[in-house]
Amino acid sequence: MTTFDNEPVAGELGAIESEWPLIAAELDLLDAEITMLYAEDRGGPTVLDWRRLRRAEAGVTRAAAELAARITDPRRVA
């Protein structure tokens, strides 16, 4: 029988859950950046591509600020 000592504990899972909005925002940004890279194949990025990138960047900034506010003020839940 094999035991796994490197599995996340409840505290680590809780930290991941609290950081998930930032992780999701970063994934959205990565997706928008990949779209921009492949836009050259279609003649360059469109206005919508640029808008999506700006929105994703703003989402990361917003999620990071909210996470920082929660970390500095533990009474703040959301």
N, C-alpha and C. Protein backbone atom coordinates (compact mmCIF):
# COMPACT_ATOMS: atom_id res chain seq x y z
N MET A 1 0.84 -1.17 0.00
CA MET A 1 0.00 0.00 0.00
C MET A 1 0.89 1.24 0.00
N THR A 2 0.55 2.19 -0.85
CA THR A 2 1.33 3.40 -0.99
C THR A 2 0.64 4.54 -0.27
N THR A 3 1.40 5.32 0.48
CA THR A 3 0.84 6.51 1.12
C THR A 3 1.38 7.73 0.40
N PHE A 4 0.56 8.73 0.30
CA PHE A 4 0.94 9.96 -0.37
C PHE A 4 1.06 11.06 0.68
N ASP A 5 2.28 11.47 0.93
CA ASP A 5 2.52 12.51 1.93
C ASP A 5 2.50 13.90 1.32
N ASN A 6 2.45 13.99 0.02
CA ASN A 6 2.54 15.30 -0.62
C ASN A 6 1.19 15.83 -1.10
N GLU A 7 0.10 15.24 -0.65
CA GLU A 7 -1.21 15.75 -1.02
C GLU A 7 -1.51 17.02 -0.24
N PRO A 8 -2.27 17.94 -0.82
CA PRO A 8 -2.57 19.18 -0.11
C PRO A 8 -3.46 18.94 1.10
N VAL A 9 -3.18 19.69 2.14
CA VAL A 9 -4.00 19.61 3.35
C VAL A 9 -5.11 20.65 3.26
N ALA A 10 -6.01 20.63 4.20
CA ALA A 10 -7.18 21.52 4.16
C ALA A 10 -6.78 22.99 4.06
N GLY A 11 -5.75 23.39 4.79
CA GLY A 11 -5.30 24.78 4.74
C GLY A 11 -4.81 25.19 3.37
N GLU A 12 -4.09 24.30 2.73
CA GLU A 12 -3.59 24.59 1.37
C GLU A 12 -4.74 24.65 0.37
N LEU A 13 -5.70 23.77 0.51
CA LEU A 13 -6.87 23.80 -0.38
C LEU A 13 -7.67 25.08 -0.16
N GLY A 14 -7.75 25.53 1.08
CA GLY A 14 -8.44 26.78 1.38
C GLY A 14 -7.73 27.97 0.75
N ALA A 15 -6.40 27.95 0.77
CA ALA A 15 -5.62 29.04 0.15
C ALA A 15 -5.84 29.06 -1.36
N ILE A 16 -5.86 27.89 -1.97
CA ILE A 16 -6.11 27.82 -3.41
C ILE A 16 -7.50 28.36 -3.73
N GLU A 17 -8.47 27.97 -2.91
CA GLU A 17 -9.84 28.43 -3.14
C GLU A 17 -9.94 29.95 -3.00
N SER A 18 -9.25 30.52 -2.02
CA SER A 18 -9.32 31.97 -1.85
C SER A 18 -8.59 32.72 -2.97
N GLU A 19 -7.59 32.08 -3.57
CA GLU A 19 -6.85 32.70 -4.67
C GLU A 19 -7.44 32.39 -6.04
N TRP A 20 -8.48 31.57 -6.08
CA TRP A 20 -9.01 31.12 -7.36
C TRP A 20 -9.48 32.25 -8.27
N PRO A 21 -10.12 33.31 -7.78
CA PRO A 21 -10.50 34.39 -8.70
C PRO A 21 -9.29 34.99 -9.44
N LEU A 22 -8.17 35.12 -8.75
CA LEU A 22 -6.95 35.63 -9.40
C LEU A 22 -6.41 34.61 -10.40
N ILE A 23 -6.42 33.35 -10.03
CA ILE A 23 -5.95 32.30 -10.95
C ILE A 23 -6.80 32.29 -12.22
N ALA A 24 -8.10 32.37 -12.07
CA ALA A 24 -9.01 32.37 -13.23
C ALA A 24 -8.78 33.60 -14.09
N ALA A 25 -8.56 34.76 -13.46
CA ALA A 25 -8.29 35.98 -14.22
C ALA A 25 -6.99 35.88 -14.99
N GLU A 26 -5.97 35.27 -14.37
CA GLU A 26 -4.70 35.09 -15.06
C GLU A 26 -4.84 34.12 -16.24
N LEU A 27 -5.67 33.10 -16.09
CA LEU A 27 -5.91 32.18 -17.20
C LEU A 27 -6.62 32.89 -18.35
N ASP A 28 -7.57 33.77 -18.03
CA ASP A 28 -8.25 34.56 -19.07
C ASP A 28 -7.25 35.46 -19.80
N LEU A 29 -6.34 36.06 -19.04
CA LEU A 29 -5.31 36.91 -19.65
C LEU A 29 -4.40 36.08 -20.55
N LEU A 30 -3.98 34.93 -20.09
CA LEU A 30 -3.14 34.06 -20.92
C LEU A 30 -3.84 33.69 -22.22
N ASP A 31 -5.12 33.36 -22.13
CA ASP A 31 -5.89 33.02 -23.32
C ASP A 31 -5.95 34.20 -24.29
N ALA A 32 -6.16 35.40 -23.76
CA ALA A 32 -6.21 36.59 -24.62
C ALA A 32 -4.85 36.85 -25.27
N GLU A 33 -3.77 36.63 -24.51
CA GLU A 33 -2.43 36.83 -25.07
C GLU A 33 -2.13 35.81 -26.18
N ILE A 34 -2.56 34.58 -25.98
CA ILE A 34 -2.36 33.56 -27.01
C ILE A 34 -3.15 33.93 -28.26
N THR A 35 -4.36 34.43 -28.08
CA THR A 35 -5.17 34.88 -29.22
C THR A 35 -4.43 35.97 -29.99
N MET A 36 -3.80 36.89 -29.27
CA MET A 36 -3.05 37.98 -29.92
C MET A 36 -1.87 37.42 -30.71
N LEU A 37 -1.21 36.42 -30.16
CA LEU A 37 -0.07 35.83 -30.86
C LEU A 37 -0.49 35.19 -32.18
N TYR A 38 -1.63 34.52 -32.16
CA TYR A 38 -2.10 33.85 -33.36
C TYR A 38 -2.87 34.78 -34.30
N ALA A 39 -3.10 36.01 -33.88
CA ALA A 39 -3.85 36.96 -34.70
C ALA A 39 -3.10 37.29 -35.99
N GLU A 40 -1.79 37.20 -35.96
CA GLU A 40 -1.00 37.49 -37.17
C GLU A 40 -1.38 36.55 -38.31
N ASP A 41 -1.79 35.34 -37.98
CA ASP A 41 -2.20 34.38 -39.01
C ASP A 41 -3.48 34.83 -39.72
N ARG A 42 -4.26 35.69 -39.08
CA ARG A 42 -5.51 36.17 -39.67
C ARG A 42 -5.42 37.63 -40.09
N GLY A 43 -4.22 38.14 -40.22
CA GLY A 43 -4.06 39.51 -40.70
C GLY A 43 -3.90 40.53 -39.60
N GLY A 44 -3.70 40.10 -38.38
CA GLY A 44 -3.50 41.02 -37.28
C GLY A 44 -4.66 41.01 -36.31
N PRO A 45 -4.42 41.53 -35.11
CA PRO A 45 -5.49 41.53 -34.11
C PRO A 45 -6.63 42.48 -34.49
N THR A 46 -7.83 42.07 -34.14
CA THR A 46 -9.00 42.90 -34.41
C THR A 46 -9.25 43.83 -33.22
N VAL A 47 -10.18 44.72 -33.38
CA VAL A 47 -10.58 45.61 -32.29
C VAL A 47 -11.08 44.78 -31.11
N LEU A 48 -11.80 43.72 -31.39
CA LEU A 48 -12.31 42.85 -30.33
C LEU A 48 -11.18 42.12 -29.61
N ASP A 49 -10.14 41.73 -30.35
CA ASP A 49 -8.97 41.10 -29.72
C ASP A 49 -8.32 42.05 -28.72
N TRP A 50 -8.15 43.30 -29.12
CA TRP A 50 -7.54 44.31 -28.24
C TRP A 50 -8.43 44.56 -27.03
N ARG A 51 -9.74 44.62 -27.24
CA ARG A 51 -10.67 44.85 -26.13
C ARG A 51 -10.61 43.69 -25.15
N ARG A 52 -10.57 42.48 -25.68
CA ARG A 52 -10.50 41.30 -24.81
C ARG A 52 -9.21 41.31 -23.99
N LEU A 53 -8.11 41.70 -24.60
CA LEU A 53 -6.84 41.76 -23.88
C LEU A 53 -6.90 42.81 -22.76
N ARG A 54 -7.42 43.99 -23.07
CA ARG A 54 -7.53 45.05 -22.05
C ARG A 54 -8.45 44.61 -20.90
N ARG A 55 -9.55 43.96 -21.25
CA ARG A 55 -10.47 43.48 -20.23
C ARG A 55 -9.82 42.43 -19.34
N ALA A 56 -9.05 41.54 -19.94
CA ALA A 56 -8.37 40.50 -19.17
C ALA A 56 -7.31 41.11 -18.26
N GLU A 57 -6.58 42.11 -18.75
CA GLU A 57 -5.59 42.79 -17.91
C GLU A 57 -6.27 43.48 -16.73
N ALA A 58 -7.39 44.13 -17.00
CA ALA A 58 -8.13 44.80 -15.93
C ALA A 58 -8.67 43.78 -14.92
N GLY A 59 -9.08 42.62 -15.41
CA GLY A 59 -9.58 41.58 -14.52
C GLY A 59 -8.50 41.07 -13.58
N VAL A 60 -7.28 40.91 -14.09
CA VAL A 60 -6.17 40.48 -13.24
C VAL A 60 -5.88 41.54 -12.19
N THR A 61 -5.85 42.79 -12.60
CA THR A 61 -5.59 43.88 -11.65
C THR A 61 -6.67 43.92 -10.57
N ARG A 62 -7.93 43.80 -10.97
CA ARG A 62 -9.04 43.83 -10.02
C ARG A 62 -8.97 42.64 -9.05
N ALA A 63 -8.72 41.45 -9.58
CA ALA A 63 -8.66 40.25 -8.73
C ALA A 63 -7.47 40.32 -7.77
N ALA A 64 -6.35 40.84 -8.24
CA ALA A 64 -5.17 40.97 -7.38
C ALA A 64 -5.43 41.98 -6.26
N ALA A 65 -6.09 43.08 -6.60
CA ALA A 65 -6.40 44.09 -5.58
C ALA A 65 -7.37 43.54 -4.55
N GLU A 66 -8.37 42.78 -4.99
CA GLU A 66 -9.33 42.20 -4.06
C GLU A 66 -8.66 41.18 -3.15
N LEU A 67 -7.76 40.37 -3.71
CA LEU A 67 -7.04 39.39 -2.91
C LEU A 67 -6.15 40.10 -1.89
N ALA A 68 -5.45 41.14 -2.31
CA ALA A 68 -4.59 41.89 -1.40
C ALA A 68 -5.41 42.52 -0.29
N ALA A 69 -6.59 43.02 -0.61
CA ALA A 69 -7.44 43.63 0.41
C ALA A 69 -7.91 42.58 1.42
N ARG A 70 -8.23 41.38 0.94
CA ARG A 70 -8.64 40.31 1.85
C ARG A 70 -7.49 39.88 2.74
N ILE A 71 -6.28 39.85 2.19
CA ILE A 71 -5.13 39.42 2.98
C ILE A 71 -4.78 40.45 4.05
N THR A 72 -4.84 41.74 3.70
CA THR A 72 -4.49 42.77 4.66
C THR A 72 -5.60 43.04 5.67
N ASP A 73 -6.85 42.76 5.31
CA ASP A 73 -7.97 42.95 6.22
C ASP A 73 -8.74 41.64 6.31
N PRO A 74 -8.38 40.76 7.25
CA PRO A 74 -9.00 39.43 7.31
C PRO A 74 -10.50 39.47 7.58
N ARG A 75 -11.04 40.59 8.06
CA ARG A 75 -12.49 40.68 8.29
C ARG A 75 -13.24 40.78 6.97
N ARG A 76 -12.55 41.20 5.92
CA ARG A 76 -13.18 41.35 4.61
C ARG A 76 -13.28 39.98 3.96
N VAL A 77 -14.49 39.55 3.66
CA VAL A 77 -14.70 38.20 3.15
C VAL A 77 -14.71 38.17 1.64
N ALA A 78 -15.36 39.11 0.99
CA ALA A 78 -15.45 39.06 -0.47
C ALA A 78 -15.11 40.36 -1.11
